[in-house]
Amino acid sequence: MSNSKLEREYCVHLAEGDHQAVRRLTERSFEAAALAYVEDLHLAESGAEISLVVQDMESGHEHCFRIDLDSGETSACG
C-alpha cells in the first residue's frame, strides 16, 4: 500500500478564537495533523497549552486536542 493511501487531508484551527489561522494538512492521523499544525505555526510559548480542532476533510469528523507546547503531549479536550 502506498503512503498516499495512508494519508488524509485535515483542516486544523485553534479551538478558541476567530479561526484565521486555519491550515489544511495531509497527515496519517488526527494527532499527527494537530502536531504538524503546531510545528507549522512555530507555536512555542513556554508553559503554554493550546486546544486545536482537527477535521477530516473527507468524512467531516472532528476531534479536539489539548497540546502542551513544552512537551508536545496531546490529550483529548473535555
PDB file of N, CA and C in Angstrom:
ATOM      1  N   MET A   1       0.852  -1.176   0.000  1.00  0.00           N
ATOM      2  CA  MET A   1       0.000   0.000   0.000  1.00  0.00           C
ATOM      3  C   MET A   1       0.895   1.235   0.000  1.00  0.00           C
ATOM      4  N   SER A   2       0.588   2.219  -0.859  1.00  0.00           N
ATOM      5  CA  SER A   2       1.415   3.422  -0.938  1.00  0.00           C
ATOM      6  C   SER A   2       1.134   4.350   0.234  1.00  0.00           C
ATOM      7  N   ASN A   3       2.099   5.214   0.514  1.00  0.00           N
ATOM      8  CA  ASN A   3       1.948   6.171   1.604  1.00  0.00           C
ATOM      9  C   ASN A   3       0.770   7.102   1.393  1.00  0.00           C
ATOM     10  N   SER A   4       0.487   7.489   0.146  1.00  0.00           N
ATOM     11  CA  SER A   4      -0.600   8.429  -0.121  1.00  0.00           C
ATOM     12  C   SER A   4      -1.953   7.860   0.293  1.00  0.00           C
ATOM     13  N   LYS A   5      -2.106   6.543   0.266  1.00  0.00           N
ATOM     14  CA  LYS A   5      -3.373   5.942   0.681  1.00  0.00           C
ATOM     15  C   LYS A   5      -3.531   5.958   2.196  1.00  0.00           C
ATOM     16  N   LEU A   6      -2.431   6.071   2.927  1.00  0.00           N
ATOM     17  CA  LEU A   6      -2.486   6.124   4.376  1.00  0.00           C
ATOM     18  C   LEU A   6      -2.730   7.542   4.881  1.00  0.00           C
ATOM     19  N   GLU A   7      -2.471   8.533   4.052  1.00  0.00           N
ATOM     20  CA  GLU A   7      -2.613   9.912   4.458  1.00  0.00           C
ATOM     21  C   GLU A   7      -3.977  10.458   4.071  1.00  0.00           C
ATOM     22  N   ARG A   8      -4.459  11.397   4.898  1.00  0.00           N
ATOM     23  CA  ARG A   8      -5.750  12.023   4.672  1.00  0.00           C
ATOM     24  C   ARG A   8      -5.565  13.534   4.785  1.00  0.00           C
ATOM     25  N   GLU A   9      -6.519  14.272   4.239  1.00  0.00           N
ATOM     26  CA  GLU A   9      -6.458  15.726   4.341  1.00  0.00           C
ATOM     27  C   GLU A   9      -7.278  16.181   5.545  1.00  0.00           C
ATOM     28  N   TYR A  10      -6.678  17.062   6.345  1.00  0.00           N
ATOM     29  CA  TYR A  10      -7.309  17.583   7.555  1.00  0.00           C
ATOM     30  C   TYR A  10      -7.321  19.108   7.514  1.00  0.00           C
ATOM     31  N   CYS A  11      -8.311  19.682   8.149  1.00  0.00           N
ATOM     32  CA  CYS A  11      -8.397  21.115   8.366  1.00  0.00           C
ATOM     33  C   CYS A  11      -8.194  21.317   9.872  1.00  0.00           C
ATOM     34  N   VAL A  12      -7.244  22.177  10.247  1.00  0.00           N
ATOM     35  CA  VAL A  12      -6.892  22.362  11.658  1.00  0.00           C
ATOM     36  C   VAL A  12      -6.967  23.843  12.003  1.00  0.00           C
ATOM     37  N   HIS A  13      -7.535  24.143  13.182  1.00  0.00           N
ATOM     38  CA  HIS A  13      -7.576  25.526  13.673  1.00  0.00           C
ATOM     39  C   HIS A  13      -7.645  25.527  15.186  1.00  0.00           C
ATOM     40  N   LEU A  14      -7.331  26.682  15.774  1.00  0.00           N
ATOM     41  CA  LEU A  14      -7.434  26.832  17.219  1.00  0.00           C
ATOM     42  C   LEU A  14      -8.886  26.658  17.643  1.00  0.00           C
ATOM     43  N   ALA A  15      -9.108  26.030  18.785  1.00  0.00           N
ATOM     44  CA  ALA A  15     -10.472  25.802  19.265  1.00  0.00           C
ATOM     45  C   ALA A  15     -11.143  27.108  19.665  1.00  0.00           C
ATOM     46  N   GLU A  16     -10.365  28.037  20.213  1.00  0.00           N
ATOM     47  CA  GLU A  16     -10.893  29.345  20.570  1.00  0.00           C
ATOM     48  C   GLU A  16     -10.358  30.366  19.582  1.00  0.00           C
ATOM     49  N   GLY A  17     -11.106  31.424  19.367  1.00  0.00           N
ATOM     50  CA  GLY A  17     -10.610  32.484  18.505  1.00  0.00           C
ATOM     51  C   GLY A  17     -11.411  32.616  17.235  1.00  0.00           C
ATOM     52  N   ASP A  18     -10.843  33.365  16.316  1.00  0.00           N
ATOM     53  CA  ASP A  18     -11.559  33.717  15.093  1.00  0.00           C
ATOM     54  C   ASP A  18     -11.269  32.786  13.922  1.00  0.00           C
ATOM     55  N   HIS A  19     -10.517  31.747  14.129  1.00  0.00           N
ATOM     56  CA  HIS A  19     -10.211  30.721  13.117  1.00  0.00           C
ATOM     57  C   HIS A  19      -9.452  31.277  11.915  1.00  0.00           C
ATOM     58  N   GLN A  20      -8.709  32.366  12.097  1.00  0.00           N
ATOM     59  CA  GLN A  20      -7.950  32.921  10.978  1.00  0.00           C
ATOM     60  C   GLN A  20      -6.726  32.084  10.645  1.00  0.00           C
ATOM     61  N   ALA A  21      -6.218  31.338  11.592  1.00  0.00           N
ATOM     62  CA  ALA A  21      -5.008  30.537  11.359  1.00  0.00           C
ATOM     63  C   ALA A  21      -5.387  29.099  10.982  1.00  0.00           C
ATOM     64  N   VAL A  22      -6.271  28.962  10.009  1.00  0.00           N
ATOM     65  CA  VAL A  22      -6.704  27.637   9.548  1.00  0.00           C
ATOM     66  C   VAL A  22      -5.659  27.085   8.593  1.00  0.00           C
ATOM     67  N   ARG A  23      -5.350  25.807   8.748  1.00  0.00           N
ATOM     68  CA  ARG A  23      -4.398  25.141   7.858  1.00  0.00           C
ATOM     69  C   ARG A  23      -5.011  23.842   7.347  1.00  0.00           C
ATOM     70  N   ARG A  24      -4.745  23.540   6.085  1.00  0.00           N
ATOM     71  CA  ARG A  24      -5.083  22.231   5.521  1.00  0.00           C
ATOM     72  C   ARG A  24      -3.791  21.447   5.451  1.00  0.00           C
ATOM     73  N   LEU A  25      -3.806  20.275   6.065  1.00  0.00           N
ATOM     74  CA  LEU A  25      -2.612  19.455   6.147  1.00  0.00           C
ATOM     75  C   LEU A  25      -2.918  18.031   5.715  1.00  0.00           C
ATOM     76  N   THR A  26      -1.951  17.381   5.115  1.00  0.00           N
ATOM     77  CA  THR A  26      -2.081  15.985   4.741  1.00  0.00           C
ATOM     78  C   THR A  26      -1.212  15.173   5.689  1.00  0.00           C
ATOM     79  N   GLU A  27      -1.858  14.330   6.492  1.00  0.00           N
ATOM     80  CA  GLU A  27      -1.151  13.542   7.507  1.00  0.00           C
ATOM     81  C   GLU A  27      -1.798  12.165   7.631  1.00  0.00           C
ATOM     82  N   ARG A  28      -1.200  11.315   8.475  1.00  0.00           N
ATOM     83  CA  ARG A  28      -1.690   9.952   8.669  1.00  0.00           C
ATOM     84  C   ARG A  28      -2.764   9.832   9.736  1.00  0.00           C
ATOM     85  N   SER A  29      -2.891  10.832  10.633  1.00  0.00           N
ATOM     86  CA  SER A  29      -3.865  10.730  11.715  1.00  0.00           C
ATOM     87  C   SER A  29      -4.266  12.120  12.195  1.00  0.00           C
ATOM     88  N   PHE A  30      -5.350  12.163  12.964  1.00  0.00           N
ATOM     89  CA  PHE A  30      -5.783  13.415  13.574  1.00  0.00           C
ATOM     90  C   PHE A  30      -4.662  13.996  14.439  1.00  0.00           C
ATOM     91  N   GLU A  31      -4.022  13.129  15.238  1.00  0.00           N
ATOM     92  CA  GLU A  31      -2.967  13.569  16.143  1.00  0.00           C
ATOM     93  C   GLU A  31      -1.775  14.138  15.375  1.00  0.00           C
ATOM     94  N   ALA A  32      -1.383  13.463  14.312  1.00  0.00           N
ATOM     95  CA  ALA A  32      -0.257  13.933  13.503  1.00  0.00           C
ATOM     96  C   ALA A  32      -0.574  15.295  12.880  1.00  0.00           C
ATOM     97  N   ALA A  33      -1.812  15.497  12.457  1.00  0.00           N
ATOM     98  CA  ALA A  33      -2.210  16.787  11.888  1.00  0.00           C
ATOM     99  C   ALA A  33      -2.145  17.885  12.946  1.00  0.00           C
ATOM    100  N   ALA A  34      -2.566  17.578  14.171  1.00  0.00           N
ATOM    101  CA  ALA A  34      -2.519  18.560  15.258  1.00  0.00           C
ATOM    102  C   ALA A  34      -1.072  18.962  15.548  1.00  0.00           C
ATOM    103  N   LEU A  35      -0.178  18.005  15.644  1.00  0.00           N
ATOM    104  CA  LEU A  35       1.226  18.308  15.927  1.00  0.00           C
ATOM    105  C   LEU A  35       1.890  19.048  14.763  1.00  0.00           C
ATOM    106  N   ALA A  36       1.540  18.689  13.526  1.00  0.00           N
ATOM    107  CA  ALA A  36       2.091  19.378  12.360  1.00  0.00           C
ATOM    108  C   ALA A  36       1.640  20.843  12.340  1.00  0.00           C
ATOM    109  N   TYR A  37       0.419  21.092  12.767  1.00  0.00           N
ATOM    110  CA  TYR A  37      -0.101  22.460  12.850  1.00  0.00           C
ATOM    111  C   TYR A  37       0.753  23.284  13.813  1.00  0.00           C
ATOM    112  N   VAL A  38       1.016  22.731  14.984  1.00  0.00           N
ATOM    113  CA  VAL A  38       1.826  23.431  15.989  1.00  0.00           C
ATOM    114  C   VAL A  38       3.223  23.709  15.426  1.00  0.00           C
ATOM    115  N   GLU A  39       3.819  22.736  14.784  1.00  0.00           N
ATOM    116  CA  GLU A  39       5.147  22.918  14.199  1.00  0.00           C
ATOM    117  C   GLU A  39       5.125  23.950  13.075  1.00  0.00           C
ATOM    118  N   ASP A  40       4.077  23.918  12.249  1.00  0.00           N
ATOM    119  CA  ASP A  40       3.953  24.820  11.108  1.00  0.00           C
ATOM    120  C   ASP A  40       3.858  26.277  11.551  1.00  0.00           C
ATOM    121  N   LEU A  41       3.133  26.534  12.634  1.00  0.00           N
ATOM    122  CA  LEU A  41       2.954  27.906  13.097  1.00  0.00           C
ATOM    123  C   LEU A  41       4.016  28.338  14.100  1.00  0.00           C
ATOM    124  N   HIS A  42       4.930  27.435  14.429  1.00  0.00           N
ATOM    125  CA  HIS A  42       6.004  27.721  15.381  1.00  0.00           C
ATOM    126  C   HIS A  42       5.453  28.230  16.709  1.00  0.00           C
ATOM    127  N   LEU A  43       4.417  27.568  17.181  1.00  0.00           N
ATOM    128  CA  LEU A  43       3.826  27.907  18.470  1.00  0.00           C
ATOM    129  C   LEU A  43       4.687  27.287  19.553  1.00  0.00           C
ATOM    130  N   ALA A  44       5.385  28.096  20.291  1.00  0.00           N
ATOM    131  CA  ALA A  44       6.306  27.548  21.286  1.00  0.00           C
ATOM    132  C   ALA A  44       6.372  28.415  22.527  1.00  0.00           C
ATOM    133  N   GLU A  45       5.254  28.914  22.985  1.00  0.00           N
ATOM    134  CA  GLU A  45       5.232  29.727  24.203  1.00  0.00           C
ATOM    135  C   GLU A  45       5.463  28.825  25.403  1.00  0.00           C
ATOM    136  N   SER A  46       6.497  29.078  26.133  1.00  0.00           N
ATOM    137  CA  SER A  46       6.867  28.229  27.262  1.00  0.00           C
ATOM    138  C   SER A  46       5.741  28.144  28.288  1.00  0.00           C
ATOM    139  N   GLY A  47       5.438  26.911  28.690  1.00  0.00           N
ATOM    140  CA  GLY A  47       4.419  26.674  29.695  1.00  0.00           C
ATOM    141  C   GLY A  47       3.001  26.761  29.177  1.00  0.00           C
ATOM    142  N   ALA A  48       2.845  27.012  27.901  1.00  0.00           N
ATOM    143  CA  ALA A  48       1.509  27.198  27.338  1.00  0.00           C
ATOM    144  C   ALA A  48       0.881  25.872  26.914  1.00  0.00           C
ATOM    145  N   GLU A  49      -0.413  25.901  26.868  1.00  0.00           N
ATOM    146  CA  GLU A  49      -1.196  24.771  26.399  1.00  0.00           C
ATOM    147  C   GLU A  49      -2.260  25.350  25.470  1.00  0.00           C
ATOM    148  N   ILE A  50      -2.473  24.713  24.325  1.00  0.00           N
ATOM    149  CA  ILE A  50      -3.485  25.182  23.390  1.00  0.00           C
ATOM    150  C   ILE A  50      -4.453  24.054  23.069  1.00  0.00           C
ATOM    151  N   SER A  51      -5.619  24.435  22.584  1.00  0.00           N
ATOM    152  CA  SER A  51      -6.614  23.461  22.125  1.00  0.00           C
ATOM    153  C   SER A  51      -6.837  23.671  20.639  1.00  0.00           C
ATOM    154  N   LEU A  52      -6.819  22.573  19.892  1.00  0.00           N
ATOM    155  CA  LEU A  52      -6.997  22.600  18.444  1.00  0.00           C
ATOM    156  C   LEU A  52      -8.163  21.717  18.034  1.00  0.00           C
ATOM    157  N   VAL A  53      -8.857  22.119  16.984  1.00  0.00           N
ATOM    158  CA  VAL A  53      -9.886  21.288  16.371  1.00  0.00           C
ATOM    159  C   VAL A  53      -9.323  20.773  15.055  1.00  0.00           C
ATOM    160  N   VAL A  54      -9.386  19.461  14.866  1.00  0.00           N
ATOM    161  CA  VAL A  54      -8.893  18.821  13.653  1.00  0.00           C
ATOM    162  C   VAL A  54     -10.073  18.125  12.979  1.00  0.00           C
ATOM    163  N   GLN A  55     -10.333  18.487  11.728  1.00  0.00           N
ATOM    164  CA  GLN A  55     -11.461  17.921  10.979  1.00  0.00           C
ATOM    165  C   GLN A  55     -10.946  17.140   9.784  1.00  0.00           C
ATOM    166  N   ASP A  56     -11.414  15.908   9.639  1.00  0.00           N
ATOM    167  CA  ASP A  56     -11.121  15.086   8.470  1.00  0.00           C
ATOM    168  C   ASP A  56     -11.945  15.656   7.315  1.00  0.00           C
ATOM    169  N   MET A  57     -11.295  16.114   6.263  1.00  0.00           N
ATOM    170  CA  MET A  57     -11.995  16.772   5.161  1.00  0.00           C
ATOM    171  C   MET A  57     -12.885  15.825   4.369  1.00  0.00           C
ATOM    172  N   GLU A  58     -12.585  14.545   4.381  1.00  0.00           N
ATOM    173  CA  GLU A  58     -13.399  13.589   3.630  1.00  0.00           C
ATOM    174  C   GLU A  58     -14.664  13.195   4.394  1.00  0.00           C
ATOM    175  N   SER A  59     -14.509  12.851   5.666  1.00  0.00           N
ATOM    176  CA  SER A  59     -15.646  12.353   6.444  1.00  0.00           C
ATOM    177  C   SER A  59     -16.366  13.446   7.221  1.00  0.00           C
ATOM    178  N   GLY A  60     -15.665  14.554   7.496  1.00  0.00           N
ATOM    179  CA  GLY A  60     -16.249  15.620   8.296  1.00  0.00           C
ATOM    180  C   GLY A  60     -16.104  15.411   9.797  1.00  0.00           C
ATOM    181  N   HIS A  61     -15.568  14.270  10.219  1.00  0.00           N
ATOM    182  CA  HIS A  61     -15.380  14.007  11.648  1.00  0.00           C
ATOM    183  C   HIS A  61     -14.373  14.983  12.233  1.00  0.00           C
ATOM    184  N   GLU A  62     -14.644  15.415  13.470  1.00  0.00           N
ATOM    185  CA  GLU A  62     -13.761  16.345  14.164  1.00  0.00           C
ATOM    186  C   GLU A  62     -13.293  15.766  15.485  1.00  0.00           C
ATOM    187  N   HIS A  63     -12.078  16.139  15.867  1.00  0.00           N
ATOM    188  CA  HIS A  63     -11.525  15.807  17.177  1.00  0.00           C
ATOM    189  C   HIS A  63     -10.888  17.073  17.728  1.00  0.00           C
ATOM    190  N   CYS A  64     -10.989  17.248  19.037  1.00  0.00           N
ATOM    191  CA  CYS A  64     -10.362  18.373  19.699  1.00  0.00           C
ATOM    192  C   CYS A  64      -9.203  17.845  20.540  1.00  0.00           C
ATOM    193  N   PHE A  65      -8.056  18.505  20.433  1.00  0.00           N
ATOM    194  CA  PHE A  65      -6.868  18.097  21.174  1.00  0.00           C
ATOM    195  C   PHE A  65      -6.330  19.252  21.997  1.00  0.00           C
ATOM    196  N   ARG A  66      -5.880  18.946  23.173  1.00  0.00           N
ATOM    197  CA  ARG A  66      -5.159  19.891  24.030  1.00  0.00           C
ATOM    198  C   ARG A  66      -3.688  19.494  23.933  1.00  0.00           C
ATOM    199  N   ILE A  67      -2.834  20.470  23.607  1.00  0.00           N
ATOM    200  CA  ILE A  67      -1.414  20.184  23.398  1.00  0.00           C
ATOM    201  C   ILE A  67      -0.575  21.040  24.331  1.00  0.00           C
ATOM    202  N   ASP A  68       0.302  20.377  25.066  1.00  0.00           N
ATOM    203  CA  ASP A  68       1.273  21.052  25.917  1.00  0.00           C
ATOM    204  C   ASP A  68       2.436  21.454  25.015  1.00  0.00           C
ATOM    205  N   LEU A  69       2.679  22.753  24.876  1.00  0.00           N
ATOM    206  CA  LEU A  69       3.707  23.225  23.945  1.00  0.00           C
ATOM    207  C   LEU A  69       5.118  22.944  24.416  1.00  0.00           C
ATOM    208  N   ASP A  70       5.315  22.669  25.708  1.00  0.00           N
ATOM    209  CA  ASP A  70       6.648  22.324  26.209  1.00  0.00           C
ATOM    210  C   ASP A  70       7.018  20.883  25.854  1.00  0.00           C
ATOM    211  N   SER A  71       6.083  19.956  26.097  1.00  0.00           N
ATOM    212  CA  SER A  71       6.387  18.543  25.937  1.00  0.00           C
ATOM    213  C   SER A  71       5.884  17.953  24.623  1.00  0.00           C
ATOM    214  N   GLY A  72       4.897  18.590  23.985  1.00  0.00           N
ATOM    215  CA  GLY A  72       4.278  18.034  22.787  1.00  0.00           C
ATOM    216  C   GLY A  72       3.232  16.989  23.118  1.00  0.00           C
ATOM    217  N   GLU A  73       2.981  16.767  24.414  1.00  0.00           N
ATOM    218  CA  GLU A  73       2.000  15.779  24.836  1.00  0.00           C
ATOM    219  C   GLU A  73       0.596  16.241  24.431  1.00  0.00           C
ATOM    220  N   THR A  74      -0.167  15.296  23.874  1.00  0.00           N
ATOM    221  CA  THR A  74      -1.530  15.609  23.464  1.00  0.00           C
ATOM    222  C   THR A  74      -2.534  14.807  24.272  1.00  0.00           C
ATOM    223  N   SER A  75      -3.714  15.415  24.452  1.00  0.00           N
ATOM    224  CA  SER A  75      -4.824  14.715  25.094  1.00  0.00           C
ATOM    225  C   SER A  75      -6.109  15.253  24.477  1.00  0.00           C
ATOM    226  N   ALA A  76      -7.173  14.515  24.641  1.00  0.00           N
ATOM    227  CA  ALA A  76      -8.471  14.945  24.123  1.00  0.00           C
ATOM    228  C   ALA A  76      -8.988  16.115  24.954  1.00  0.00           C
ATOM    229  N   CYS A  77      -9.669  17.050  24.318  1.00  0.00           N
ATOM    230  CA  CYS A  77     -10.311  18.151  25.041  1.00  0.00           C
ATOM    231  C   CYS A  77     -11.474  17.582  25.848  1.00  0.00           C
ATOM    232  N   GLY A  78     -11.826  18.330  26.864  1.00  0.00           N
ATOM    233  CA  GLY A  78     -13.036  17.944  27.591  1.00  0.00           C
ATOM    234  C   GLY A  78     -12.831  17.364  28.863  1.00  0.00           C
TER     235      GLY A  78
END
